[in-house]
Structure formats: structure tokens, C-alpha cells
PDB file of all heavy atoms in Angstrom:
ATOM      1  N   HIS A   1      28.071  54.593  98.912  1.00  0.00           N
ATOM      2  CA  HIS A   1      26.575  54.248  99.378  1.00  0.00           C
ATOM      3  C   HIS A   1      26.536  53.089 100.394  1.00  0.00           C
ATOM      4  O   HIS A   1      25.573  52.427 100.448  1.00  0.00           O
ATOM      5  CB  HIS A   1      25.723  53.794  98.146  1.00  0.00           C
ATOM      6  CG  HIS A   1      25.617  54.796  97.078  1.00  0.00           C
ATOM      7  ND1 HIS A   1      24.986  54.598  95.895  1.00  0.00           N
ATOM      8  CD2 HIS A   1      26.187  56.093  97.008  1.00  0.00           C
ATOM      9  CE1 HIS A   1      25.075  55.530  95.172  1.00  0.00           C
ATOM     10  NE2 HIS A   1      25.816  56.487  95.795  1.00  0.00           N
ATOM     11  N   GLN A   2      27.581  52.918 101.139  1.00  0.00           N
ATOM     12  CA  GLN A   2      27.841  51.827 102.039  1.00  0.00           C
ATOM     13  C   GLN A   2      26.608  51.573 102.977  1.00  0.00           C
ATOM     14  O   GLN A   2      26.060  50.500 103.048  1.00  0.00           O
ATOM     15  CB  GLN A   2      29.113  51.940 102.851  1.00  0.00           C
ATOM     16  CG  GLN A   2      29.399  50.879 103.820  1.00  0.00           C
ATOM     17  CD  GLN A   2      30.622  50.886 104.372  1.00  0.00           C
ATOM     18  OE1 GLN A   2      31.698  51.248 103.789  1.00  0.00           O
ATOM     19  NE2 GLN A   2      30.728  50.612 105.714  1.00  0.00           N
ATOM     20  N   ILE A   3      26.219  52.665 103.774  1.00  0.00           N
ATOM     21  CA  ILE A   3      25.136  52.443 104.632  1.00  0.00           C
ATOM     22  C   ILE A   3      23.864  52.121 103.962  1.00  0.00           C
ATOM     23  O   ILE A   3      23.057  51.284 104.345  1.00  0.00           O
ATOM     24  CB  ILE A   3      24.997  53.868 105.558  1.00  0.00           C
ATOM     25  CG1 ILE A   3      26.142  54.070 106.365  1.00  0.00           C
ATOM     26  CG2 ILE A   3      23.752  53.640 106.293  1.00  0.00           C
ATOM     27  CD1 ILE A   3      26.269  55.296 107.101  1.00  0.00           C
ATOM     28  N   ARG A   4      23.616  52.916 102.875  1.00  0.00           N
ATOM     29  CA  ARG A   4      22.293  52.581 102.137  1.00  0.00           C
ATOM     30  C   ARG A   4      22.296  51.174 101.634  1.00  0.00           C
ATOM     31  O   ARG A   4      21.335  50.534 101.685  1.00  0.00           O
ATOM     32  CB  ARG A   4      22.217  53.660 100.955  1.00  0.00           C
ATOM     33  CG  ARG A   4      22.080  54.951 101.551  1.00  0.00           C
ATOM     34  CD  ARG A   4      22.404  56.090 100.485  1.00  0.00           C
ATOM     35  NE  ARG A   4      21.477  55.930  99.352  1.00  0.00           N
ATOM     36  CZ  ARG A   4      21.651  56.427  98.155  1.00  0.00           C
ATOM     37  NH1 ARG A   4      22.939  57.055  97.709  1.00  0.00           N
ATOM     38  NH2 ARG A   4      20.806  56.361  97.177  1.00  0.00           N
ATOM     39  N   VAL A   5      23.348  50.611 101.024  1.00  0.00           N
ATOM     40  CA  VAL A   5      23.386  49.347 100.489  1.00  0.00           C
ATOM     41  C   VAL A   5      23.278  48.262 101.591  1.00  0.00           C
ATOM     42  O   VAL A   5      22.503  47.290 101.558  1.00  0.00           O
ATOM     43  CB  VAL A   5      24.688  49.018  99.702  1.00  0.00           C
ATOM     44  CG1 VAL A   5      24.820  47.583  99.400  1.00  0.00           C
ATOM     45  CG2 VAL A   5      24.726  49.811  98.473  1.00  0.00           C
ATOM     46  N   HIS A   6      23.919  48.443 102.742  1.00  0.00           N
ATOM     47  CA  HIS A   6      23.909  47.553 103.831  1.00  0.00           C
ATOM     48  C   HIS A   6      22.477  47.242 104.403  1.00  0.00           C
ATOM     49  O   HIS A   6      21.993  46.208 104.560  1.00  0.00           O
ATOM     50  CB  HIS A   6      24.903  47.881 104.902  1.00  0.00           C
ATOM     51  CG  HIS A   6      26.255  47.330 104.603  1.00  0.00           C
ATOM     52  ND1 HIS A   6      27.379  47.641 105.442  1.00  0.00           N
ATOM     53  CD2 HIS A   6      26.798  46.637 103.590  1.00  0.00           C
ATOM     54  CE1 HIS A   6      28.439  47.025 104.940  1.00  0.00           C
ATOM     55  NE2 HIS A   6      28.178  46.424 103.721  1.00  0.00           N
ATOM     56  N   PHE A   7      21.842  48.445 104.600  1.00  0.00           N
ATOM     57  CA  PHE A   7      20.546  48.446 105.306  1.00  0.00           C
ATOM     58  C   PHE A   7      19.530  47.960 104.313  1.00  0.00           C
ATOM     59  O   PHE A   7      18.594  47.205 104.762  1.00  0.00           O
ATOM     60  CB  PHE A   7      20.156  49.843 105.949  1.00  0.00           C
ATOM     61  CG  PHE A   7      20.930  49.878 107.246  1.00  0.00           C
ATOM     62  CD1 PHE A   7      22.094  50.549 107.403  1.00  0.00           C
ATOM     63  CD2 PHE A   7      20.445  49.230 108.380  1.00  0.00           C
ATOM     64  CE1 PHE A   7      22.730  50.621 108.573  1.00  0.00           C
ATOM     65  CE2 PHE A   7      20.981  49.267 109.628  1.00  0.00           C
ATOM     66  CZ  PHE A   7      22.227  49.997 109.764  1.00  0.00           C
ATOM     67  N   ALA A   8      19.567  48.269 102.947  1.00  0.00           N
ATOM     68  CA  ALA A   8      18.635  47.767 102.039  1.00  0.00           C
ATOM     69  C   ALA A   8      18.830  46.262 101.868  1.00  0.00           C
ATOM     70  O   ALA A   8      17.799  45.594 101.736  1.00  0.00           O
ATOM     71  CB  ALA A   8      18.868  48.533 100.750  1.00  0.00           C
ATOM     72  N   SER A   9      20.012  45.835 102.017  1.00  0.00           N
ATOM     73  CA  SER A   9      20.252  44.415 101.727  1.00  0.00           C
ATOM     74  C   SER A   9      19.625  43.520 102.917  1.00  0.00           C
ATOM     75  O   SER A   9      19.409  42.327 102.672  1.00  0.00           O
ATOM     76  CB  SER A   9      21.703  44.049 101.593  1.00  0.00           C
ATOM     77  OG  SER A   9      22.459  44.128 102.922  1.00  0.00           O
ATOM     78  N   ILE A  10      19.349  44.040 104.068  1.00  0.00           N
ATOM     79  CA  ILE A  10      18.800  43.366 105.228  1.00  0.00           C
ATOM     80  C   ILE A  10      17.269  43.708 105.359  1.00  0.00           C
ATOM     81  O   ILE A  10      16.693  43.354 106.297  1.00  0.00           O
ATOM     82  CB  ILE A  10      19.524  43.437 106.487  1.00  0.00           C
ATOM     83  CG1 ILE A  10      19.580  44.974 106.878  1.00  0.00           C
ATOM     84  CG2 ILE A  10      20.966  42.933 106.333  1.00  0.00           C
ATOM     85  CD1 ILE A  10      20.163  45.158 108.335  1.00  0.00           C
ATOM     86  N   GLY A  11      16.831  44.340 104.268  1.00  0.00           N
ATOM     87  CA  GLY A  11      15.344  44.804 104.321  1.00  0.00           C
ATOM     88  C   GLY A  11      14.976  45.860 105.134  1.00  0.00           C
ATOM     89  O   GLY A  11      13.725  46.145 105.416  1.00  0.00           O
ATOM     90  N   HIS A  12      15.947  46.797 105.439  1.00  0.00           N
ATOM     91  CA  HIS A  12      15.596  47.965 106.240  1.00  0.00           C
ATOM     92  C   HIS A  12      16.304  49.225 105.590  1.00  0.00           C
ATOM     93  O   HIS A  12      17.141  49.783 106.018  1.00  0.00           O
ATOM     94  CB  HIS A  12      16.069  47.842 107.645  1.00  0.00           C
ATOM     95  CG  HIS A  12      15.484  46.785 108.341  1.00  0.00           C
ATOM     96  ND1 HIS A  12      14.196  46.817 108.797  1.00  0.00           N
ATOM     97  CD2 HIS A  12      15.980  45.495 108.699  1.00  0.00           C
ATOM     98  CE1 HIS A  12      13.883  45.612 109.477  1.00  0.00           C
ATOM     99  NE2 HIS A  12      15.004  44.898 109.304  1.00  0.00           N
ATOM    100  N   PRO A  13      15.662  49.634 104.417  1.00  0.00           N
ATOM    101  CA  PRO A  13      16.280  50.713 103.683  1.00  0.00           C
ATOM    102  C   PRO A  13      16.242  52.065 104.402  1.00  0.00           C
ATOM    103  O   PRO A  13      15.294  52.185 105.300  1.00  0.00           O
ATOM    104  CB  PRO A  13      15.548  50.720 102.311  1.00  0.00           C
ATOM    105  CG  PRO A  13      14.189  50.130 102.751  1.00  0.00           C
ATOM    106  CD  PRO A  13      14.656  49.104 103.685  1.00  0.00           C
ATOM    107  N   VAL A  14      17.078  52.895 104.108  1.00  0.00           N
ATOM    108  CA  VAL A  14      17.066  54.230 104.632  1.00  0.00           C
ATOM    109  C   VAL A  14      15.723  54.977 104.231  1.00  0.00           C
ATOM    110  O   VAL A  14      15.359  54.967 102.937  1.00  0.00           O
ATOM    111  CB  VAL A  14      18.249  55.105 104.314  1.00  0.00           C
ATOM    112  CG1 VAL A  14      18.122  56.502 104.633  1.00  0.00           C
ATOM    113  CG2 VAL A  14      19.511  54.494 104.791  1.00  0.00           C
ATOM    114  N   LEU A  15      14.966  55.463 105.083  1.00  0.00           N
ATOM    115  CA  LEU A  15      13.789  56.162 104.650  1.00  0.00           C
ATOM    116  C   LEU A  15      14.034  57.350 103.772  1.00  0.00           C
ATOM    117  O   LEU A  15      15.093  58.081 103.941  1.00  0.00           O
ATOM    118  CB  LEU A  15      13.047  56.770 105.978  1.00  0.00           C
ATOM    119  CG  LEU A  15      12.383  55.839 106.857  1.00  0.00           C
ATOM    120  CD1 LEU A  15      11.915  56.516 108.002  1.00  0.00           C
ATOM    121  CD2 LEU A  15      11.285  55.069 106.124  1.00  0.00           C
ATOM    122  N   GLY A  16      13.320  57.394 102.701  1.00  0.00           N
ATOM    123  CA  GLY A  16      13.564  58.446 101.712  1.00  0.00           C
ATOM    124  C   GLY A  16      14.546  58.120 100.550  1.00  0.00           C
ATOM    125  O   GLY A  16      14.733  58.856  99.665  1.00  0.00           O
ATOM    126  N   ASP A  17      14.964  56.960 100.754  1.00  0.00           N
ATOM    127  CA  ASP A  17      16.168  56.641  99.643  1.00  0.00           C
ATOM    128  C   ASP A  17      15.387  55.949  98.495  1.00  0.00           C
ATOM    129  O   ASP A  17      14.857  54.927  98.524  1.00  0.00           O
ATOM    130  CB  ASP A  17      17.047  55.516 100.249  1.00  0.00           C
ATOM    131  CG  ASP A  17      18.329  55.183  99.262  1.00  0.00           C
ATOM    132  OD1 ASP A  17      18.177  55.479  98.186  1.00  0.00           O
ATOM    133  OD2 ASP A  17      19.108  54.456  99.853  1.00  0.00           O
ATOM    134  N   ARG A  18      15.357  56.669  97.324  1.00  0.00           N
ATOM    135  CA  ARG A  18      14.720  56.245  96.137  1.00  0.00           C
ATOM    136  C   ARG A  18      15.512  55.190  95.367  1.00  0.00           C
ATOM    137  O   ARG A  18      14.905  54.602  94.340  1.00  0.00           O
ATOM    138  CB  ARG A  18      14.211  57.401  95.324  1.00  0.00           C
ATOM    139  CG  ARG A  18      13.201  58.199  96.045  1.00  0.00           C
ATOM    140  CD  ARG A  18      12.922  59.502  95.243  1.00  0.00           C
ATOM    141  NE  ARG A  18      12.056  60.559  96.020  1.00  0.00           N
ATOM    142  CZ  ARG A  18      10.830  60.538  96.080  1.00  0.00           C
ATOM    143  NH1 ARG A  18      10.167  59.634  95.434  1.00  0.00           N
ATOM    144  NH2 ARG A  18      10.262  61.372  96.869  1.00  0.00           N
ATOM    145  N   THR A  19      16.745  55.213  95.683  1.00  0.00           N
ATOM    146  CA  THR A  19      17.649  54.256  94.804  1.00  0.00           C
ATOM    147  C   THR A  19      17.651  52.825  95.386  1.00  0.00           C
ATOM    148  O   THR A  19      17.493  51.837  94.679  1.00  0.00           O
ATOM    149  CB  THR A  19      19.095  54.761  94.751  1.00  0.00           C
ATOM    150  OG1 THR A  19      19.019  56.082  94.204  1.00  0.00           O
ATOM    151  CG2 THR A  19      20.012  53.978  93.871  1.00  0.00           C
ATOM    152  N   TYR A  20      17.883  52.687  96.750  1.00  0.00           N
ATOM    153  CA  TYR A  20      18.072  51.314  97.299  1.00  0.00           C
ATOM    154  C   TYR A  20      16.792  50.952  98.038  1.00  0.00           C
ATOM    155  O   TYR A  20      16.786  49.838  98.603  1.00  0.00           O
ATOM    156  CB  TYR A  20      19.208  51.364  98.183  1.00  0.00           C
ATOM    157  CG  TYR A  20      20.547  51.500  97.487  1.00  0.00           C
ATOM    158  CD1 TYR A  20      21.134  52.768  97.408  1.00  0.00           C
ATOM    159  CD2 TYR A  20      21.026  50.417  96.725  1.00  0.00           C
ATOM    160  CE1 TYR A  20      22.396  52.811  96.678  1.00  0.00           C
ATOM    161  CE2 TYR A  20      22.259  50.621  95.931  1.00  0.00           C
ATOM    162  CZ  TYR A  20      22.834  51.822  96.085  1.00  0.00           C
ATOM    163  OH  TYR A  20      24.011  51.929  95.298  1.00  0.00           O
ATOM    164  N   GLY A  21      15.769  51.761  98.147  1.00  0.00           N
ATOM    165  CA  GLY A  21      14.647  51.473  98.797  1.00  0.00           C
ATOM    166  C   GLY A  21      13.380  52.324  98.272  1.00  0.00           C
ATOM    167  O   GLY A  21      13.751  53.102  97.383  1.00  0.00           O
ATOM    168  N   SER A  22      12.255  51.977  98.728  1.00  0.00           N
ATOM    169  CA  SER A  22      11.179  52.786  98.134  1.00  0.00           C
ATOM    170  C   SER A  22      10.298  53.339  99.210  1.00  0.00           C
ATOM    171  O   SER A  22       9.323  53.976  98.933  1.00  0.00           O
ATOM    172  CB  SER A  22      10.250  51.922  97.229  1.00  0.00           C
ATOM    173  OG  SER A  22       9.784  50.826  98.003  1.00  0.00           O
ATOM    174  N   LYS A  23      10.757  53.498 100.438  1.00  0.00           N
ATOM    175  CA  LYS A  23       9.941  53.910 101.639  1.00  0.00           C
ATOM    176  C   LYS A  23      10.200  55.480 101.660  1.00  0.00           C
ATOM    177  O   LYS A  23      11.110  56.017 102.146  1.00  0.00           O
ATOM    178  CB  LYS A  23      10.473  53.356 102.814  1.00  0.00           C
ATOM    179  CG  LYS A  23       9.895  52.017 103.104  1.00  0.00           C
ATOM    180  CD  LYS A  23       9.609  51.759 104.497  1.00  0.00           C
ATOM    181  CE  LYS A  23       8.755  50.573 104.779  1.00  0.00           C
ATOM    182  NZ  LYS A  23       8.199  50.397 105.967  1.00  0.00           N
ATOM    183  N   THR A  24       9.425  56.223 100.912  1.00  0.00           N
ATOM    184  CA  THR A  24       9.194  57.612 101.008  1.00  0.00           C
ATOM    185  C   THR A  24       7.981  58.113 101.851  1.00  0.00           C
ATOM    186  O   THR A  24       7.843  59.305 102.120  1.00  0.00           O
ATOM    187  CB  THR A  24       9.152  58.349  99.670  1.00  0.00           C
ATOM    188  OG1 THR A  24       8.106  57.764  98.911  1.00  0.00           O
ATOM    189  CG2 THR A  24      10.440  57.903  98.888  1.00  0.00           C
ATOM    190  N   VAL A  25       7.255  57.167 102.241  1.00  0.00           N
ATOM    191  CA  VAL A  25       5.985  57.484 103.102  1.00  0.00           C
ATOM    192  C   VAL A  25       5.814  56.226 104.006  1.00  0.00           C
ATOM    193  O   VAL A  25       5.963  55.180 103.518  1.00  0.00           O
ATOM    194  CB  VAL A  25       4.656  57.590 102.276  1.00  0.00           C
ATOM    195  CG1 VAL A  25       3.529  57.834 103.135  1.00  0.00           C
ATOM    196  CG2 VAL A  25       4.859  58.744 101.195  1.00  0.00           C
ATOM    197  N   VAL A  26       5.524  56.548 105.310  1.00  0.00           N
ATOM    198  CA  VAL A  26       5.203  55.429 106.272  1.00  0.00           C
ATOM    199  C   VAL A  26       3.793  55.784 106.883  1.00  0.00           C
ATOM    200  O   VAL A  26       3.541  56.984 106.971  1.00  0.00           O
ATOM    201  CB  VAL A  26       6.243  55.272 107.237  1.00  0.00           C
ATOM    202  CG1 VAL A  26       7.527  54.788 106.795  1.00  0.00           C
ATOM    203  CG2 VAL A  26       6.527  56.536 108.124  1.00  0.00           C
ATOM    204  N   GLU A  27       3.005  54.802 107.089  1.00  0.00           N
ATOM    205  CA  GLU A  27       1.788  55.047 107.898  1.00  0.00           C
ATOM    206  C   GLU A  27       2.120  54.815 109.357  1.00  0.00           C
ATOM    207  O   GLU A  27       2.469  53.762 109.768  1.00  0.00           O
ATOM    208  CB  GLU A  27       0.786  54.045 107.409  1.00  0.00           C
ATOM    209  CG  GLU A  27       0.332  54.485 105.937  1.00  0.00           C
ATOM    210  CD  GLU A  27      -0.947  53.707 105.422  1.00  0.00           C
ATOM    211  OE1 GLU A  27      -1.781  53.468 106.387  1.00  0.00           O
ATOM    212  OE2 GLU A  27      -1.012  53.449 104.253  1.00  0.00           O
ATOM    213  N   ALA A  28       1.740  55.771 110.142  1.00  0.00           N
ATOM    214  CA  ALA A  28       1.957  55.826 111.462  1.00  0.00           C
ATOM    215  C   ALA A  28       0.696  56.201 112.186  1.00  0.00           C
ATOM    216  O   ALA A  28       0.303  57.385 112.179  1.00  0.00           O
ATOM    217  CB  ALA A  28       3.098  56.882 111.904  1.00  0.00           C
ATOM    218  N   GLY A  29       0.104  55.175 112.750  1.00  0.00           N
ATOM    219  CA  GLY A  29      -1.246  55.415 113.314  1.00  0.00           C
ATOM    220  C   GLY A  29      -2.205  55.807 112.222  1.00  0.00           C
ATOM    221  O   GLY A  29      -2.233  55.082 111.092  1.00  0.00           O
ATOM    222  N   ARG A  30      -2.861  56.893 112.221  1.00  0.00           N
ATOM    223  CA  ARG A  30      -3.803  57.429 111.274  1.00  0.00           C
ATOM    224  C   ARG A  30      -3.140  58.372 110.420  1.00  0.00           C
ATOM    225  O   ARG A  30      -3.660  59.012 109.536  1.00  0.00           O
ATOM    226  CB  ARG A  30      -4.907  58.032 111.945  1.00  0.00           C
ATOM    227  CG  ARG A  30      -5.841  57.101 112.726  1.00  0.00           C
ATOM    228  CD  ARG A  30      -7.064  57.732 113.143  1.00  0.00           C
ATOM    229  NE  ARG A  30      -7.401  57.200 114.519  1.00  0.00           N
ATOM    230  CZ  ARG A  30      -7.904  57.771 115.393  1.00  0.00           C
ATOM    231  NH1 ARG A  30      -8.199  58.999 115.434  1.00  0.00           N
ATOM    232  NH2 ARG A  30      -8.201  57.064 116.634  1.00  0.00           N
ATOM    233  N   ARG A  31      -1.861  58.595 110.546  1.00  0.00           N
ATOM    234  CA  ARG A  31      -1.056  59.670 109.807  1.00  0.00           C
ATOM    235  C   ARG A  31      -0.182  58.925 108.746  1.00  0.00           C
ATOM    236  O   ARG A  31       0.243  57.823 109.001  1.00  0.00           O
ATOM    237  CB  ARG A  31      -0.263  60.419 110.731  1.00  0.00           C
ATOM    238  CG  ARG A  31      -0.954  61.165 111.784  1.00  0.00           C
ATOM    239  CD  ARG A  31       0.039  61.762 112.766  1.00  0.00           C
ATOM    240  NE  ARG A  31       0.909  62.694 111.984  1.00  0.00           N
ATOM    241  CZ  ARG A  31       1.785  63.427 112.685  1.00  0.00           C
ATOM    242  NH1 ARG A  31       2.084  63.208 113.866  1.00  0.00           N
ATOM    243  NH2 ARG A  31       2.523  64.256 111.857  1.00  0.00           N
ATOM    244  N   LYS A  32       0.120  59.677 107.772  1.00  0.00           N
ATOM    245  CA  LYS A  32       1.072  59.392 106.796  1.00  0.00           C
ATOM    246  C   LYS A  32       2.227  60.347 106.863  1.00  0.00           C
ATOM    247  O   LYS A  32       2.031  61.533 106.760  1.00  0.00           O
ATOM    248  CB  LYS A  32       0.559  59.329 105.407  1.00  0.00           C
ATOM    249  CG  LYS A  32      -0.418  58.308 105.086  1.00  0.00           C
ATOM    250  CD  LYS A  32      -0.771  58.180 103.694  1.00  0.00           C
ATOM    251  CE  LYS A  32      -1.664  56.976 103.419  1.00  0.00           C
ATOM    252  NZ  LYS A  32      -1.942  56.834 102.031  1.00  0.00           N
ATOM    253  N   ILE A  33       3.477  59.844 107.173  1.00  0.00           N
ATOM    254  CA  ILE A  33       4.607  60.638 107.246  1.00  0.00           C
ATOM    255  C   ILE A  33       5.460  60.516 105.930  1.00  0.00           C
ATOM    256  O   ILE A  33       5.783  59.543 105.609  1.00  0.00           O
ATOM    257  CB  ILE A  33       5.413  60.326 108.451  1.00  0.00           C
ATOM    258  CG1 ILE A  33       4.578  60.444 109.710  1.00  0.00           C
ATOM    259  CG2 ILE A  33       6.668  61.331 108.534  1.00  0.00           C
ATOM    260  CD1 ILE A  33       5.189  60.007 110.945  1.00  0.00           C
ATOM    261  N   THR A  34       5.773  61.727 105.224  1.00  0.00           N
ATOM    262  CA  THR A  34       6.497  61.660 104.021  1.00  0.00           C
ATOM    263  C   THR A  34       7.950  61.967 104.222  1.00  0.00           C
ATOM    264  O   THR A  34       8.200  62.823 105.115  1.00  0.00           O
ATOM    265  CB  THR A  34       5.880  62.566 102.934  1.00  0.00           C
ATOM    266  OG1 THR A  34       5.873  63.896 103.417  1.00  0.00           O
ATOM    267  CG2 THR A  34       4.447  62.144 102.647  1.00  0.00           C
ATOM    268  N   PHE A  35       8.720  61.435 103.427  1.00  0.00           N
ATOM    269  CA  PHE A  35      10.172  61.559 103.646  1.00  0.00           C
ATOM    270  C   PHE A  35      10.751  62.027 102.215  1.00  0.00           C
ATOM    271  O   PHE A  35      10.875  61.189 101.373  1.00  0.00           O
ATOM    272  CB  PHE A  35      10.903  60.371 103.990  1.00  0.00           C
ATOM    273  CG  PHE A  35      10.443  59.951 105.497  1.00  0.00           C
ATOM    274  CD1 PHE A  35       9.412  59.060 105.669  1.00  0.00           C
ATOM    275  CD2 PHE A  35      11.078  60.397 106.480  1.00  0.00           C
ATOM    276  CE1 PHE A  35       8.869  58.723 106.884  1.00  0.00           C
ATOM    277  CE2 PHE A  35      10.703  60.071 107.805  1.00  0.00           C
ATOM    278  CZ  PHE A  35       9.614  59.296 108.070  1.00  0.00           C
ATOM    279  N   PRO A  36      10.846  63.294 101.924  1.00  0.00           N
ATOM    280  CA  PRO A  36      11.163  63.825 100.599  1.00  0.00           C
ATOM    281  C   PRO A  36      12.620  63.632 100.217  1.00  0.00           C
ATOM    282  O   PRO A  36      13.024  63.898  99.059  1.00  0.00           O
ATOM    283  CB  PRO A  36      10.797  65.380 100.811  1.00  0.00           C
ATOM    284  CG  PRO A  36      10.957  65.686 102.226  1.00  0.00           C
ATOM    285  CD  PRO A  36      10.470  64.434 102.918  1.00  0.00           C
ATOM    286  N   ARG A  37      13.470  63.205 101.135  1.00  0.00           N
ATOM    287  CA  ARG A  37      14.794  62.992 100.900  1.00  0.00           C
ATOM    288  C   ARG A  37      15.319  61.887 101.755  1.00  0.00           C
ATOM    289  O   ARG A  37      14.671  61.482 102.663  1.00  0.00           O
ATOM    290  CB  ARG A  37      15.651  64.182 101.135  1.00  0.00           C
ATOM    291  CG  ARG A  37      15.840  64.690 102.675  1.00  0.00           C
ATOM    292  CD  ARG A  37      16.878  65.688 102.835  1.00  0.00           C
ATOM    293  NE  ARG A  37      17.058  66.065 104.205  1.00  0.00           N
ATOM    294  CZ  ARG A  37      18.007  65.457 104.975  1.00  0.00           C
ATOM    295  NH1 ARG A  37      18.753  64.596 104.439  1.00  0.00           N
ATOM    296  NH2 ARG A  37      18.187  65.937 106.096  1.00  0.00           N
ATOM    297  N   GLN A  38      16.560  61.405 101.655  1.00  0.00           N
ATOM    298  CA  GLN A  38      17.152  60.296 102.378  1.00  0.00           C
ATOM    299  C   GLN A  38      17.310  60.915 103.878  1.00  0.00           C
ATOM    300  O   GLN A  38      17.925  61.925 104.124  1.00  0.00           O
ATOM    301  CB  GLN A  38      18.615  59.997 101.970  1.00  0.00           C
ATOM    302  CG  GLN A  38      18.571  59.294 100.537  1.00  0.00           C
ATOM    303  CD  GLN A  38      20.067  59.242 100.091  1.00  0.00           C
ATOM    304  OE1 GLN A  38      20.980  59.223 100.806  1.00  0.00           O
ATOM    305  NE2 GLN A  38      20.123  59.254  98.714  1.00  0.00           N
ATOM    306  N   MET A  39      16.789  59.995 104.821  1.00  0.00           N
ATOM    307  CA  MET A  39      17.047  60.446 106.202  1.00  0.00           C
ATOM    308  C   MET A  39      18.355  59.838 106.669  1.00  0.00           C
ATOM    309  O   MET A  39      18.450  58.905 107.458  1.00  0.00           O
ATOM    310  CB  MET A  39      15.877  59.788 107.041  1.00  0.00           C
ATOM    311  CG  MET A  39      14.545  60.461 106.655  1.00  0.00           C
ATOM    312  SD  MET A  39      14.374  62.218 107.155  1.00  0.00           S
ATOM    313  CE  MET A  39      14.512  63.087 105.563  1.00  0.00           C
ATOM    314  N   LEU A  40      19.368  60.468 106.211  1.00  0.00           N
ATOM    315  CA  LEU A  40      20.759  60.097 106.423  1.00  0.00           C
ATOM    316  C   LEU A  40      21.557  61.355 106.776  1.00  0.00           C
ATOM    317  O   LEU A  40      21.539  62.203 106.059  1.00  0.00           O
ATOM    318  CB  LEU A  40      21.298  59.338 105.277  1.00  0.00           C
ATOM    319  CG  LEU A  40      22.696  58.554 105.311  1.00  0.00           C
ATOM    320  CD1 LEU A  40      22.586  57.512 106.385  1.00  0.00           C
ATOM    321  CD2 LEU A  40      22.858  58.063 103.949  1.00  0.00           C
ATOM    322  N   HIS A  41      22.276  61.268 107.760  1.00  0.00           N
ATOM    323  CA  HIS A  41      23.143  62.488 108.263  1.00  0.00           C
ATOM    324  C   HIS A  41      24.398  62.094 108.794  1.00  0.00           C
ATOM    325  O   HIS A  41      24.426  61.138 109.639  1.00  0.00           O
ATOM    326  CB  HIS A  41      22.282  63.337 109.435  1.00  0.00           C
ATOM    327  CG  HIS A  41      23.195  64.416 109.914  1.00  0.00           C
ATOM    328  ND1 HIS A  41      23.547  65.434 109.170  1.00  0.00           N
ATOM    329  CD2 HIS A  41      23.440  64.525 111.147  1.00  0.00           C
ATOM    330  CE1 HIS A  41      24.213  66.241 110.055  1.00  0.00           C
ATOM    331  NE2 HIS A  41      24.287  65.658 111.296  1.00  0.00           N
ATOM    332  N   ALA A  42      25.545  62.790 108.409  1.00  0.00           N
ATOM    333  CA  ALA A  42      26.812  62.557 109.051  1.00  0.00           C
ATOM    334  C   ALA A  42      26.967  63.459 110.151  1.00  0.00           C
ATOM    335  O   ALA A  42      27.363  64.625 109.887  1.00  0.00           O
ATOM    336  CB  ALA A  42      27.800  62.649 107.893  1.00  0.00           C
ATOM    337  N   GLU A  43      26.921  62.935 111.299  1.00  0.00           N
ATOM    338  CA  GLU A  43      27.208  63.829 112.471  1.00  0.00           C
ATOM    339  C   GLU A  43      28.582  64.158 112.733  1.00  0.00           C
ATOM    340  O   GLU A  43      29.021  65.269 113.030  1.00  0.00           O
ATOM    341  CB  GLU A  43      26.586  62.986 113.725  1.00  0.00           C
ATOM    342  CG  GLU A  43      26.698  63.872 115.027  1.00  0.00           C
ATOM    343  CD  GLU A  43      26.431  63.177 116.230  1.00  0.00           C
ATOM    344  OE1 GLU A  43      26.834  61.936 116.453  1.00  0.00           O
ATOM    345  OE2 GLU A  43      25.508  63.720 117.018  1.00  0.00           O
ATOM    346  N   LEU A  44      29.434  63.153 112.292  1.00  0.00           N
ATOM    347  CA  LEU A  44      30.860  63.324 112.451  1.00  0.00           C
ATOM    348  C   LEU A  44      31.673  62.783 111.248  1.00  0.00           C
ATOM    349  O   LEU A  44      31.421  61.738 110.952  1.00  0.00           O
ATOM    350  CB  LEU A  44      31.380  62.605 113.887  1.00  0.00           C
ATOM    351  CG  LEU A  44      32.851  62.741 114.083  1.00  0.00           C
ATOM    352  CD1 LEU A  44      33.294  64.112 114.282  1.00  0.00           C
ATOM    353  CD2 LEU A  44      33.177  61.919 115.185  1.00  0.00           C
TER     354      LEU A  44
END
């Protein structure tokens, strides 16, 4: 969980991470954007 732990520890959890953060919804302008899963992807 390295990335998740590091970013949560500095107050910027991975969006959608229910274990190390609680940001599953963000308010953007007049919209609410939901994140049903962790927004984390291994490109390589």
C-alpha cells in the first residue's frame, strides 16, 4: 500500500481509497464527482 500510505500521510489520499482516505466524492463547481474505486493505476 506504499503509494496510498504515503499520500494519505501528507493529507492527499488517493481518490476513492476507503482504507487510507475518505474522498469518494469531490465537489467541482456545481457538480459532484464520485469515485467508486481507488483512482490508482500501474502504467508500467
